[in-house]
Amino acid sequence: QVQLVESGGGLVQPGGSLRLSCTASGIIFSSYVMLWYRQAPGNQRELIAQITRGGNTNYADSVKGRFTISRDNAKNTVYLQMNSLKPEDTAVYYCSTGAVYWGQGTQVTVSS
């Protein structure tokens, strides 16, 4: 049984930071490109960051320079370090292997 479990979301003030984690089980984690998506109310799900098996990264323009994706294959975990958070970053954040496996999401709310 494949599971992706996100954690680390919460309420943070503008300018603050959060680190999301996504731990996988039931897959050979190191074989997968890992992605972070987010979905704000009324919006489509948006791909914001991805990391290849070799550790190469790509970011959406909306988060470039503020968010950092990383992975620890020994822990079957992908991370999303989010700095300089803005109210428009408020969304449910999901990790995914792509088309097939998704986590349940973790809420991030940026508000004063």
PDB file of N, CA and C in Angstrom:
ATOM      1  N   GLN A   1       0.843  -1.189   0.000  1.00  0.00           N
ATOM      2  CA  GLN A   1       0.000   0.000   0.000  1.00  0.00           C
ATOM      3  C   GLN A   1       0.885   1.247   0.000  1.00  0.00           C
ATOM      4  N   VAL A   2       0.660   2.102  -0.981  1.00  0.00           N
ATOM      5  CA  VAL A   2       1.454   3.303  -1.122  1.00  0.00           C
ATOM      6  C   VAL A   2       0.823   4.425  -0.303  1.00  0.00           C
ATOM      7  N   GLN A   3       1.662   5.119   0.451  1.00  0.00           N
ATOM      8  CA  GLN A   3       1.194   6.280   1.191  1.00  0.00           C
ATOM      9  C   GLN A   3       2.195   7.413   1.069  1.00  0.00           C
ATOM     10  N   LEU A   4       1.666   8.612   0.873  1.00  0.00           N
ATOM     11  CA  LEU A   4       2.441   9.842   0.971  1.00  0.00           C
ATOM     12  C   LEU A   4       1.776  10.673   2.056  1.00  0.00           C
ATOM     13  N   VAL A   5       2.525  11.013   3.089  1.00  0.00           N
ATOM     14  CA  VAL A   5       1.951  11.706   4.235  1.00  0.00           C
ATOM     15  C   VAL A   5       2.675  13.030   4.437  1.00  0.00           C
ATOM     16  N   GLU A   6       1.922  14.115   4.235  1.00  0.00           N
ATOM     17  CA  GLU A   6       2.482  15.453   4.430  1.00  0.00           C
ATOM     18  C   GLU A   6       2.308  15.897   5.875  1.00  0.00           C
ATOM     19  N   SER A   7       3.212  16.752   6.310  1.00  0.00           N
ATOM     20  CA  SER A   7       3.112  17.362   7.631  1.00  0.00           C
ATOM     21  C   SER A   7       3.832  18.702   7.605  1.00  0.00           C
ATOM     22  N   GLY A   8       3.597  19.502   8.647  1.00  0.00           N
ATOM     23  CA  GLY A   8       4.318  20.754   8.785  1.00  0.00           C
ATOM     24  C   GLY A   8       3.533  22.003   8.453  1.00  0.00           C
ATOM     25  N   GLY A   9       2.309  21.838   7.982  1.00  0.00           N
ATOM     26  CA  GLY A   9       1.507  23.004   7.689  1.00  0.00           C
ATOM     27  C   GLY A   9       1.044  23.710   8.953  1.00  0.00           C
ATOM     28  N   GLY A  10       0.420  24.869   8.754  1.00  0.00           N
ATOM     29  CA  GLY A  10      -0.087  25.609   9.899  1.00  0.00           C
ATOM     30  C   GLY A  10      -0.338  27.055   9.558  1.00  0.00           C
ATOM     31  N   LEU A  11      -0.501  27.841  10.598  1.00  0.00           N
ATOM     32  CA  LEU A  11      -0.736  29.282  10.470  1.00  0.00           C
ATOM     33  C   LEU A  11       0.562  30.021  10.742  1.00  0.00           C
ATOM     34  N   VAL A  12       0.905  30.929   9.847  1.00  0.00           N
ATOM     35  CA  VAL A  12       2.135  31.692   9.994  1.00  0.00           C
ATOM     36  C   VAL A  12       1.872  33.130   9.556  1.00  0.00           C
ATOM     37  N   GLN A  13       2.588  34.063  10.147  1.00  0.00           N
ATOM     38  CA  GLN A  13       2.444  35.463   9.765  1.00  0.00           C
ATOM     39  C   GLN A  13       3.184  35.745   8.467  1.00  0.00           C
ATOM     40  N   PRO A  14       2.748  36.756   7.747  1.00  0.00           N
ATOM     41  CA  PRO A  14       3.499  37.159   6.538  1.00  0.00           C
ATOM     42  C   PRO A  14       4.968  37.417   6.866  1.00  0.00           C
ATOM     43  N   GLY A  15       5.830  36.948   5.978  1.00  0.00           N
ATOM     44  CA  GLY A  15       7.264  37.048   6.201  1.00  0.00           C
ATOM     45  C   GLY A  15       7.864  35.880   6.944  1.00  0.00           C
ATOM     46  N   GLY A  16       7.015  35.016   7.470  1.00  0.00           N
ATOM     47  CA  GLY A  16       7.492  33.875   8.246  1.00  0.00           C
ATOM     48  C   GLY A  16       7.890  32.698   7.373  1.00  0.00           C
ATOM     49  N   SER A  17       8.240  31.617   8.047  1.00  0.00           N
ATOM     50  CA  SER A  17       8.722  30.416   7.372  1.00  0.00           C
ATOM     51  C   SER A  17       8.011  29.175   7.893  1.00  0.00           C
ATOM     52  N   LEU A  18       7.935  28.182   7.035  1.00  0.00           N
ATOM     53  CA  LEU A  18       7.463  26.852   7.402  1.00  0.00           C
ATOM     54  C   LEU A  18       8.272  25.840   6.611  1.00  0.00           C
ATOM     55  N   ARG A  19       8.382  24.642   7.161  1.00  0.00           N
ATOM     56  CA  ARG A  19       8.967  23.537   6.413  1.00  0.00           C
ATOM     57  C   ARG A  19       7.979  22.389   6.367  1.00  0.00           C
ATOM     58  N   LEU A  20       7.596  22.038   5.152  1.00  0.00           N
ATOM     59  CA  LEU A  20       6.717  20.901   4.948  1.00  0.00           C
ATOM     60  C   LEU A  20       7.550  19.651   4.712  1.00  0.00           C
ATOM     61  N   SER A  21       7.015  18.541   5.183  1.00  0.00           N
ATOM     62  CA  SER A  21       7.633  17.236   4.945  1.00  0.00           C
ATOM     63  C   SER A  21       6.613  16.318   4.298  1.00  0.00           C
ATOM     64  N   CYS A  22       7.100  15.403   3.515  1.00  0.00           N
ATOM     65  CA  CYS A  22       6.250  14.378   2.897  1.00  0.00           C
ATOM     66  C   CYS A  22       7.025  13.069   2.942  1.00  0.00           C
ATOM     67  N   THR A  23       6.508  12.134   3.712  1.00  0.00           N
ATOM     68  CA  THR A  23       7.170  10.847   3.864  1.00  0.00           C
ATOM     69  C   THR A  23       6.402   9.779   3.099  1.00  0.00           C
ATOM     70  N   ALA A  24       7.144   9.033   2.307  1.00  0.00           N
ATOM     71  CA  ALA A  24       6.549   8.019   1.448  1.00  0.00           C
ATOM     72  C   ALA A  24       6.786   6.621   1.996  1.00  0.00           C
ATOM     73  N   SER A  25       5.835   5.756   1.742  1.00  0.00           N
ATOM     74  CA  SER A  25       5.982   4.339   2.044  1.00  0.00           C
ATOM     75  C   SER A  25       5.335   3.531   0.929  1.00  0.00           C
ATOM     76  N   GLY A  26       5.832   2.327   0.735  1.00  0.00           N
ATOM     77  CA  GLY A  26       5.254   1.446  -0.278  1.00  0.00           C
ATOM     78  C   GLY A  26       5.790   1.664  -1.681  1.00  0.00           C
ATOM     79  N   ILE A  27       6.752   2.564  -1.827  1.00  0.00           N
ATOM     80  CA  ILE A  27       7.376   2.798  -3.131  1.00  0.00           C
ATOM     81  C   ILE A  27       8.888   2.834  -2.959  1.00  0.00           C
ATOM     82  N   ILE A  28       9.596   2.649  -4.058  1.00  0.00           N
ATOM     83  CA  ILE A  28      11.040   2.836  -4.045  1.00  0.00           C
ATOM     84  C   ILE A  28      11.276   4.324  -4.251  1.00  0.00           C
ATOM     85  N   PHE A  29      11.312   5.042  -3.143  1.00  0.00           N
ATOM     86  CA  PHE A  29      11.285   6.502  -3.156  1.00  0.00           C
ATOM     87  C   PHE A  29      12.361   7.097  -4.052  1.00  0.00           C
ATOM     88  N   SER A  30      13.545   6.540  -3.994  1.00  0.00           N
ATOM     89  CA  SER A  30      14.667   7.118  -4.736  1.00  0.00           C
ATOM     90  C   SER A  30      14.482   7.031  -6.247  1.00  0.00           C
ATOM     91  N   SER A  31      13.525   6.241  -6.684  1.00  0.00           N
ATOM     92  CA  SER A  31      13.282   6.069  -8.118  1.00  0.00           C
ATOM     93  C   SER A  31      12.357   7.126  -8.701  1.00  0.00           C
ATOM     94  N   TYR A  32      11.764   7.931  -7.840  1.00  0.00           N
ATOM     95  CA  TYR A  32      10.727   8.853  -8.276  1.00  0.00           C
ATOM     96  C   TYR A  32      11.182  10.305  -8.271  1.00  0.00           C
ATOM     97  N   VAL A  33      10.777  11.025  -9.319  1.00  0.00           N
ATOM     98  CA  VAL A  33      10.730  12.477  -9.241  1.00  0.00           C
ATOM     99  C   VAL A  33       9.633  12.831  -8.239  1.00  0.00           C
ATOM    100  N   MET A  34       9.907  13.783  -7.375  1.00  0.00           N
ATOM    101  CA  MET A  34       8.921  14.194  -6.381  1.00  0.00           C
ATOM    102  C   MET A  34       8.507  15.640  -6.635  1.00  0.00           C
ATOM    103  N   LEU A  35       7.248  15.899  -6.435  1.00  0.00           N
ATOM    104  CA  LEU A  35       6.683  17.214  -6.746  1.00  0.00           C
ATOM    105  C   LEU A  35       5.860  17.741  -5.574  1.00  0.00           C
ATOM    106  N   TRP A  36       5.834  19.035  -5.456  1.00  0.00           N
ATOM    107  CA  TRP A  36       4.922  19.737  -4.553  1.00  0.00           C
ATOM    108  C   TRP A  36       3.956  20.572  -5.393  1.00  0.00           C
ATOM    109  N   TYR A  37       2.689  20.430  -5.074  1.00  0.00           N
ATOM    110  CA  TYR A  37       1.628  21.224  -5.660  1.00  0.00           C
ATOM    111  C   TYR A  37       0.942  22.005  -4.542  1.00  0.00           C
ATOM    112  N   ARG A  38       0.173  22.992  -4.939  1.00  0.00           N
ATOM    113  CA  ARG A  38      -0.711  23.664  -3.998  1.00  0.00           C
ATOM    114  C   ARG A  38      -2.005  24.031  -4.702  1.00  0.00           C
ATOM    115  N   GLN A  39      -3.045  24.153  -3.875  1.00  0.00           N
ATOM    116  CA  GLN A  39      -4.350  24.549  -4.399  1.00  0.00           C
ATOM    117  C   GLN A  39      -5.010  25.499  -3.419  1.00  0.00           C
ATOM    118  N   ALA A  40      -5.238  26.705  -3.894  1.00  0.00           N
ATOM    119  CA  ALA A  40      -5.948  27.704  -3.100  1.00  0.00           C
ATOM    120  C   ALA A  40      -7.425  27.621  -3.434  1.00  0.00           C
ATOM    121  N   PRO A  41      -8.294  28.064  -2.534  1.00  0.00           N
ATOM    122  CA  PRO A  41      -9.740  28.006  -2.791  1.00  0.00           C
ATOM    123  C   PRO A  41     -10.104  28.715  -4.092  1.00  0.00           C
ATOM    124  N   GLY A  42     -10.858  28.016  -4.933  1.00  0.00           N
ATOM    125  CA  GLY A  42     -11.306  28.596  -6.185  1.00  0.00           C
ATOM    126  C   GLY A  42     -10.286  28.542  -7.307  1.00  0.00           C
ATOM    127  N   ASN A  43      -9.099  28.009  -6.993  1.00  0.00           N
ATOM    128  CA  ASN A  43      -8.037  27.958  -8.005  1.00  0.00           C
ATOM    129  C   ASN A  43      -7.741  26.514  -8.404  1.00  0.00           C
ATOM    130  N   GLN A  44      -7.113  26.382  -9.557  1.00  0.00           N
ATOM    131  CA  GLN A  44      -6.649  25.061  -9.978  1.00  0.00           C
ATOM    132  C   GLN A  44      -5.390  24.679  -9.192  1.00  0.00           C
ATOM    133  N   ARG A  45      -5.160  23.368  -9.127  1.00  0.00           N
ATOM    134  CA  ARG A  45      -3.944  22.884  -8.481  1.00  0.00           C
ATOM    135  C   ARG A  45      -2.738  23.342  -9.300  1.00  0.00           C
ATOM    136  N   GLU A  46      -1.732  23.860  -8.603  1.00  0.00           N
ATOM    137  CA  GLU A  46      -0.567  24.474  -9.239  1.00  0.00           C
ATOM    138  C   GLU A  46       0.699  23.715  -8.852  1.00  0.00           C
ATOM    139  N   LEU A  47       1.480  23.348  -9.850  1.00  0.00           N
ATOM    140  CA  LEU A  47       2.795  22.738  -9.583  1.00  0.00           C
ATOM    141  C   LEU A  47       3.763  23.839  -9.186  1.00  0.00           C
ATOM    142  N   ILE A  48       4.382  23.706  -8.019  1.00  0.00           N
ATOM    143  CA  ILE A  48       5.265  24.769  -7.565  1.00  0.00           C
ATOM    144  C   ILE A  48       6.721  24.344  -7.458  1.00  0.00           C
ATOM    145  N   ALA A  49       7.001  23.072  -7.298  1.00  0.00           N
ATOM    146  CA  ALA A  49       8.398  22.652  -7.161  1.00  0.00           C
ATOM    147  C   ALA A  49       8.519  21.174  -7.494  1.00  0.00           C
ATOM    148  N   GLN A  50       9.661  20.845  -8.055  1.00  0.00           N
ATOM    149  CA  GLN A  50       9.945  19.437  -8.321  1.00  0.00           C
ATOM    150  C   GLN A  50      11.421  19.162  -8.137  1.00  0.00           C
ATOM    151  N   ILE A  51      11.721  17.913  -7.791  1.00  0.00           N
ATOM    152  CA  ILE A  51      13.104  17.488  -7.606  1.00  0.00           C
ATOM    153  C   ILE A  51      13.277  16.133  -8.263  1.00  0.00           C
ATOM    154  N   THR A  52      14.295  16.020  -9.084  1.00  0.00           N
ATOM    155  CA  THR A  52      14.537  14.782  -9.797  1.00  0.00           C
ATOM    156  C   THR A  52      15.216  13.758  -8.892  1.00  0.00           C
ATOM    157  N   ARG A  53      15.371  12.557  -9.423  1.00  0.00           N
ATOM    158  CA  ARG A  53      16.053  11.512  -8.665  1.00  0.00           C
ATOM    159  C   ARG A  53      17.480  11.924  -8.325  1.00  0.00           C
ATOM    160  N   GLY A  54      18.071  12.709  -9.207  1.00  0.00           N
ATOM    161  CA  GLY A  54      19.451  13.149  -8.995  1.00  0.00           C
ATOM    162  C   GLY A  54      19.581  14.428  -8.205  1.00  0.00           C
ATOM    163  N   GLY A  55      18.446  15.014  -7.831  1.00  0.00           N
ATOM    164  CA  GLY A  55      18.479  16.215  -7.001  1.00  0.00           C
ATOM    165  C   GLY A  55      18.369  17.526  -7.743  1.00  0.00           C
ATOM    166  N   ASN A  56      18.139  17.475  -9.062  1.00  0.00           N
ATOM    167  CA  ASN A  56      17.912  18.724  -9.790  1.00  0.00           C
ATOM    168  C   ASN A  56      16.523  19.267  -9.446  1.00  0.00           C
ATOM    169  N   THR A  57      16.436  20.582  -9.358  1.00  0.00           N
ATOM    170  CA  THR A  57      15.191  21.211  -8.909  1.00  0.00           C
ATOM    171  C   THR A  57      14.669  22.215  -9.920  1.00  0.00           C
ATOM    172  N   ASN A  58      13.351  22.407  -9.891  1.00  0.00           N
ATOM    173  CA  ASN A  58      12.687  23.433 -10.681  1.00  0.00           C
ATOM    174  C   ASN A  58      11.570  24.029  -9.847  1.00  0.00           C
ATOM    175  N   TYR A  59      11.289  25.310 -10.101  1.00  0.00           N
ATOM    176  CA  TYR A  59      10.290  26.027  -9.314  1.00  0.00           C
ATOM    177  C   TYR A  59       9.390  26.855 -10.206  1.00  0.00           C
ATOM    178  N   ALA A  60       8.159  27.029  -9.766  1.00  0.00           N
ATOM    179  CA  ALA A  60       7.275  27.994 -10.392  1.00  0.00           C
ATOM    180  C   ALA A  60       7.787  29.397 -10.092  1.00  0.00           C
ATOM    181  N   ASP A  61       7.509  30.307 -11.003  1.00  0.00           N
ATOM    182  CA  ASP A  61       7.974  31.678 -10.808  1.00  0.00           C
ATOM    183  C   ASP A  61       7.411  32.284  -9.523  1.00  0.00           C
ATOM    184  N   SER A  62       6.235  31.847  -9.133  1.00  0.00           N
ATOM    185  CA  SER A  62       5.577  32.420  -7.964  1.00  0.00           C
ATOM    186  C   SER A  62       6.314  32.124  -6.655  1.00  0.00           C
ATOM    187  N   VAL A  63       7.162  31.094  -6.644  1.00  0.00           N
ATOM    188  CA  VAL A  63       7.849  30.719  -5.409  1.00  0.00           C
ATOM    189  C   VAL A  63       9.372  30.751  -5.546  1.00  0.00           C
ATOM    190  N   LYS A  64       9.858  30.979  -6.740  1.00  0.00           N
ATOM    191  CA  LYS A  64      11.303  30.940  -6.985  1.00  0.00           C
ATOM    192  C   LYS A  64      12.011  31.964  -6.103  1.00  0.00           C
ATOM    193  N   GLY A  65      13.087  31.522  -5.469  1.00  0.00           N
ATOM    194  CA  GLY A  65      13.848  32.392  -4.580  1.00  0.00           C
ATOM    195  C   GLY A  65      13.357  32.406  -3.153  1.00  0.00           C
ATOM    196  N   ARG A  66      12.161  31.860  -2.913  1.00  0.00           N
ATOM    197  CA  ARG A  66      11.602  31.837  -1.556  1.00  0.00           C
ATOM    198  C   ARG A  66      11.444  30.410  -1.025  1.00  0.00           C
ATOM    199  N   PHE A  67      11.148  29.478  -1.910  1.00  0.00           N
ATOM    200  CA  PHE A  67      10.919  28.092  -1.522  1.00  0.00           C
ATOM    201  C   PHE A  67      12.082  27.225  -2.003  1.00  0.00           C
ATOM    202  N   THR A  68      12.385  26.194  -1.221  1.00  0.00           N
ATOM    203  CA  THR A  68      13.433  25.251  -1.580  1.00  0.00           C
ATOM    204  C   THR A  68      12.936  23.828  -1.371  1.00  0.00           C
ATOM    205  N   ILE A  69      13.014  23.031  -2.415  1.00  0.00           N
ATOM    206  CA  ILE A  69      12.655  21.617  -2.331  1.00  0.00           C
ATOM    207  C   ILE A  69      13.932  20.812  -2.144  1.00  0.00           C
ATOM    208  N   SER A  70      13.848  19.785  -1.308  1.00  0.00           N
ATOM    209  CA  SER A  70      14.987  18.894  -1.096  1.00  0.00           C
ATOM    210  C   SER A  70      14.451  17.502  -0.784  1.00  0.00           C
ATOM    211  N   ARG A  71      15.349  16.546  -0.805  1.00  0.00           N
ATOM    212  CA  ARG A  71      14.918  15.173  -0.519  1.00  0.00           C
ATOM    213  C   ARG A  71      15.990  14.454   0.270  1.00  0.00           C
ATOM    214  N   ASP A  72      15.531  13.496   1.074  1.00  0.00           N
ATOM    215  CA  ASP A  72      16.419  12.614   1.824  1.00  0.00           C
ATOM    216  C   ASP A  72      15.968  11.194   1.502  1.00  0.00           C
ATOM    217  N   ASN A  73      16.673  10.562   0.588  1.00  0.00           N
ATOM    218  CA  ASN A  73      16.244   9.232   0.147  1.00  0.00           C
ATOM    219  C   ASN A  73      16.360   8.193   1.264  1.00  0.00           C
ATOM    220  N   ALA A  74      17.274   8.407   2.184  1.00  0.00           N
ATOM    221  CA  ALA A  74      17.412   7.473   3.304  1.00  0.00           C
ATOM    222  C   ALA A  74      16.189   7.504   4.216  1.00  0.00           C
ATOM    223  N   LYS A  75      15.496   8.629   4.227  1.00  0.00           N
ATOM    224  CA  LYS A  75      14.305   8.782   5.063  1.00  0.00           C
ATOM    225  C   LYS A  75      13.026   8.732   4.254  1.00  0.00           C
ATOM    226  N   ASN A  76      13.139   8.482   2.954  1.00  0.00           N
ATOM    227  CA  ASN A  76      11.955   8.451   2.074  1.00  0.00           C
ATOM    228  C   ASN A  76      11.129   9.728   2.213  1.00  0.00           C
ATOM    229  N   THR A  77      11.794  10.848   2.309  1.00  0.00           N
ATOM    230  CA  THR A  77      11.117  12.105   2.607  1.00  0.00           C
ATOM    231  C   THR A  77      11.557  13.209   1.656  1.00  0.00           C
ATOM    232  N   VAL A  78      10.580  13.993   1.230  1.00  0.00           N
ATOM    233  CA  VAL A  78      10.832  15.206   0.469  1.00  0.00           C
ATOM    234  C   VAL A  78      10.368  16.386   1.313  1.00  0.00           C
ATOM    235  N   TYR A  79      11.100  17.473   1.234  1.00  0.00           N
ATOM    236  CA  TYR A  79      10.823  18.649   2.040  1.00  0.00           C
ATOM    237  C   TYR A  79      10.513  19.844   1.147  1.00  0.00           C
ATOM    238  N   LEU A  80       9.801  20.804   1.721  1.00  0.00           N
ATOM    239  CA  LEU A  80       9.603  22.090   1.074  1.00  0.00           C
ATOM    240  C   LEU A  80       9.818  23.157   2.131  1.00  0.00           C
ATOM    241  N   GLN A  81      10.962  23.826   2.046  1.00  0.00           N
ATOM    242  CA  GLN A  81      11.254  24.946   2.937  1.00  0.00           C
ATOM    243  C   GLN A  81      10.662  26.196   2.324  1.00  0.00           C
ATOM    244  N   MET A  82       9.795  26.851   3.074  1.00  0.00           N
ATOM    245  CA  MET A  82       9.085  28.026   2.564  1.00  0.00           C
ATOM    246  C   MET A  82       9.462  29.228   3.419  1.00  0.00           C
ATOM    247  N   ASN A  83      10.094  30.199   2.801  1.00  0.00           N
ATOM    248  CA  ASN A  83      10.507  31.423   3.480  1.00  0.00           C
ATOM    249  C   ASN A  83       9.784  32.623   2.887  1.00  0.00           C
ATOM    250  N   SER A  84       9.837  33.718   3.604  1.00  0.00           N
ATOM    251  CA  SER A  84       9.221  34.976   3.139  1.00  0.00           C
ATOM    252  C   SER A  84       7.788  34.742   2.670  1.00  0.00           C
ATOM    253  N   LEU A  85       7.034  34.061   3.479  1.00  0.00           N
ATOM    254  CA  LEU A  85       5.676  33.685   3.087  1.00  0.00           C
ATOM    255  C   LEU A  85       4.778  34.901   2.948  1.00  0.00           C
ATOM    256  N   LYS A  86       3.869  34.802   1.983  1.00  0.00           N
ATOM    257  CA  LYS A  86       2.929  35.869   1.668  1.00  0.00           C
ATOM    258  C   LYS A  86       1.498  35.340   1.842  1.00  0.00           C
ATOM    259  N   PRO A  87       0.547  36.218   2.043  1.00  0.00           N
ATOM    260  CA  PRO A  87      -0.851  35.757   2.141  1.00  0.00           C
ATOM    261  C   PRO A  87      -1.285  34.948   0.921  1.00  0.00           C
ATOM    262  N   GLU A  88      -0.777  35.279  -0.243  1.00  0.00           N
ATOM    263  CA  GLU A  88      -1.157  34.545  -1.454  1.00  0.00           C
ATOM    264  C   GLU A  88      -0.560  33.142  -1.521  1.00  0.00           C
ATOM    265  N   ASP A  89       0.296  32.788  -0.569  1.00  0.00           N
ATOM    266  CA  ASP A  89       0.782  31.418  -0.473  1.00  0.00           C
ATOM    267  C   ASP A  89      -0.203  30.516   0.275  1.00  0.00           C
ATOM    268  N   THR A  90      -1.244  31.087   0.820  1.00  0.00           N
ATOM    269  CA  THR A  90      -2.250  30.302   1.523  1.00  0.00           C
ATOM    270  C   THR A  90      -2.896  29.289   0.581  1.00  0.00           C
ATOM    271  N   ALA A  91      -2.837  28.028   0.958  1.00  0.00           N
ATOM    272  CA  ALA A  91      -3.342  26.955   0.100  1.00  0.00           C
ATOM    273  C   ALA A  91      -3.193  25.632   0.843  1.00  0.00           C
ATOM    274  N   VAL A  92      -3.771  24.604   0.259  1.00  0.00           N
ATOM    275  CA  VAL A  92      -3.462  23.243   0.671  1.00  0.00           C
ATOM    276  C   VAL A  92      -2.290  22.769  -0.190  1.00  0.00           C
ATOM    277  N   TYR A  93      -1.279  22.229   0.469  1.00  0.00           N
ATOM    278  CA  TYR A  93      -0.065  21.797  -0.209  1.00  0.00           C
ATOM    279  C   TYR A  93      -0.031  20.273  -0.273  1.00  0.00           C
ATOM    280  N   TYR A  94       0.268  19.774  -1.454  1.00  0.00           N
ATOM    281  CA  TYR A  94       0.275  18.335  -1.702  1.00  0.00           C
ATOM    282  C   TYR A  94       1.639  17.894  -2.237  1.00  0.00           C
ATOM    283  N   CYS A  95       2.093  16.743  -1.805  1.00  0.00           N
ATOM    284  CA  CYS A  95       3.228  16.134  -2.482  1.00  0.00           C
ATOM    285  C   CYS A  95       2.709  15.017  -3.385  1.00  0.00           C
ATOM    286  N   SER A  96       3.515  14.705  -4.387  1.00  0.00           N
ATOM    287  CA  SER A  96       3.067  13.739  -5.386  1.00  0.00           C
ATOM    288  C   SER A  96       4.263  13.152  -6.101  1.00  0.00           C
ATOM    289  N   THR A  97       4.057  11.973  -6.637  1.00  0.00           N
ATOM    290  CA  THR A  97       5.046  11.392  -7.544  1.00  0.00           C
ATOM    291  C   THR A  97       4.713  11.726  -8.997  1.00  0.00           C
ATOM    292  N   GLY A  98       3.627  12.450  -9.178  1.00  0.00           N
ATOM    293  CA  GLY A  98       3.188  12.762 -10.534  1.00  0.00           C
ATOM    294  C   GLY A  98       1.749  12.339 -10.703  1.00  0.00           C
ATOM    295  N   ALA A  99       1.465  11.546 -11.709  1.00  0.00           N
ATOM    296  CA  ALA A  99       0.081  11.235 -12.033  1.00  0.00           C
ATOM    297  C   ALA A  99      -0.559  10.246 -11.062  1.00  0.00           C
ATOM    298  N   VAL A 100       0.263   9.424 -10.413  1.00  0.00           N
ATOM    299  CA  VAL A 100      -0.318   8.261  -9.735  1.00  0.00           C
ATOM    300  C   VAL A 100      -0.532   8.477  -8.239  1.00  0.00           C
ATOM    301  N   TYR A 101       0.500   8.864  -7.521  1.00  0.00           N
ATOM    302  CA  TYR A 101       0.418   8.883  -6.063  1.00  0.00           C
ATOM    303  C   TYR A 101       0.401  10.311  -5.532  1.00  0.00           C
ATOM    304  N   TRP A 102      -0.521  10.543  -4.574  1.00  0.00           N
ATOM    305  CA  TRP A 102      -0.703  11.859  -3.974  1.00  0.00           C
ATOM    306  C   TRP A 102      -0.868  11.712  -2.466  1.00  0.00           C
ATOM    307  N   GLY A 103      -0.392  12.743  -1.751  1.00  0.00           N
ATOM    308  CA  GLY A 103      -0.685  12.810  -0.348  1.00  0.00           C
ATOM    309  C   GLY A 103      -2.055  13.420  -0.115  1.00  0.00           C
ATOM    310  N   GLN A 104      -2.414  13.501   1.168  1.00  0.00           N
ATOM    311  CA  GLN A 104      -3.738  14.008   1.519  1.00  0.00           C
ATOM    312  C   GLN A 104      -3.769  15.528   1.609  1.00  0.00           C
ATOM    313  N   GLY A 105      -2.611  16.143   1.645  1.00  0.00           N
ATOM    314  CA  GLY A 105      -2.519  17.598   1.703  1.00  0.00           C
ATOM    315  C   GLY A 105      -2.349  18.117   3.115  1.00  0.00           C
ATOM    316  N   THR A 106      -1.711  19.274   3.211  1.00  0.00           N
ATOM    317  CA  THR A 106      -1.550  19.958   4.482  1.00  0.00           C
ATOM    318  C   THR A 106      -1.841  21.436   4.262  1.00  0.00           C
ATOM    319  N   GLN A 107      -2.618  22.015   5.163  1.00  0.00           N
ATOM    320  CA  GLN A 107      -3.053  23.403   5.009  1.00  0.00           C
ATOM    321  C   GLN A 107      -1.962  24.356   5.472  1.00  0.00           C
ATOM    322  N   VAL A 108      -1.683  25.344   4.641  1.00  0.00           N
ATOM    323  CA  VAL A 108      -0.802  26.450   5.002  1.00  0.00           C
ATOM    324  C   VAL A 108      -1.619  27.738   4.910  1.00  0.00           C
ATOM    325  N   THR A 109      -1.645  28.473   6.004  1.00  0.00           N
ATOM    326  CA  THR A 109      -2.367  29.738   6.046  1.00  0.00           C
ATOM    327  C   THR A 109      -1.391  30.833   6.459  1.00  0.00           C
ATOM    328  N   VAL A 110      -1.301  31.852   5.627  1.00  0.00           N
ATOM    329  CA  VAL A 110      -0.405  32.975   5.901  1.00  0.00           C
ATOM    330  C   VAL A 110      -1.285  34.199   6.169  1.00  0.00           C
ATOM    331  N   SER A 111      -1.284  34.631   7.407  1.00  0.00           N
ATOM    332  CA  SER A 111      -2.179  35.712   7.810  1.00  0.00           C
ATOM    333  C   SER A 111      -1.663  36.352   9.080  1.00  0.00           C
ATOM    334  N   SER A 112      -1.933  37.644   9.201  1.00  0.00           N
ATOM    335  CA  SER A 112      -1.590  38.348  10.433  1.00  0.00           C
ATOM    336  C   SER A 112      -2.771  38.374  11.384  1.00  0.00           C
TER     337      SER A 112
END
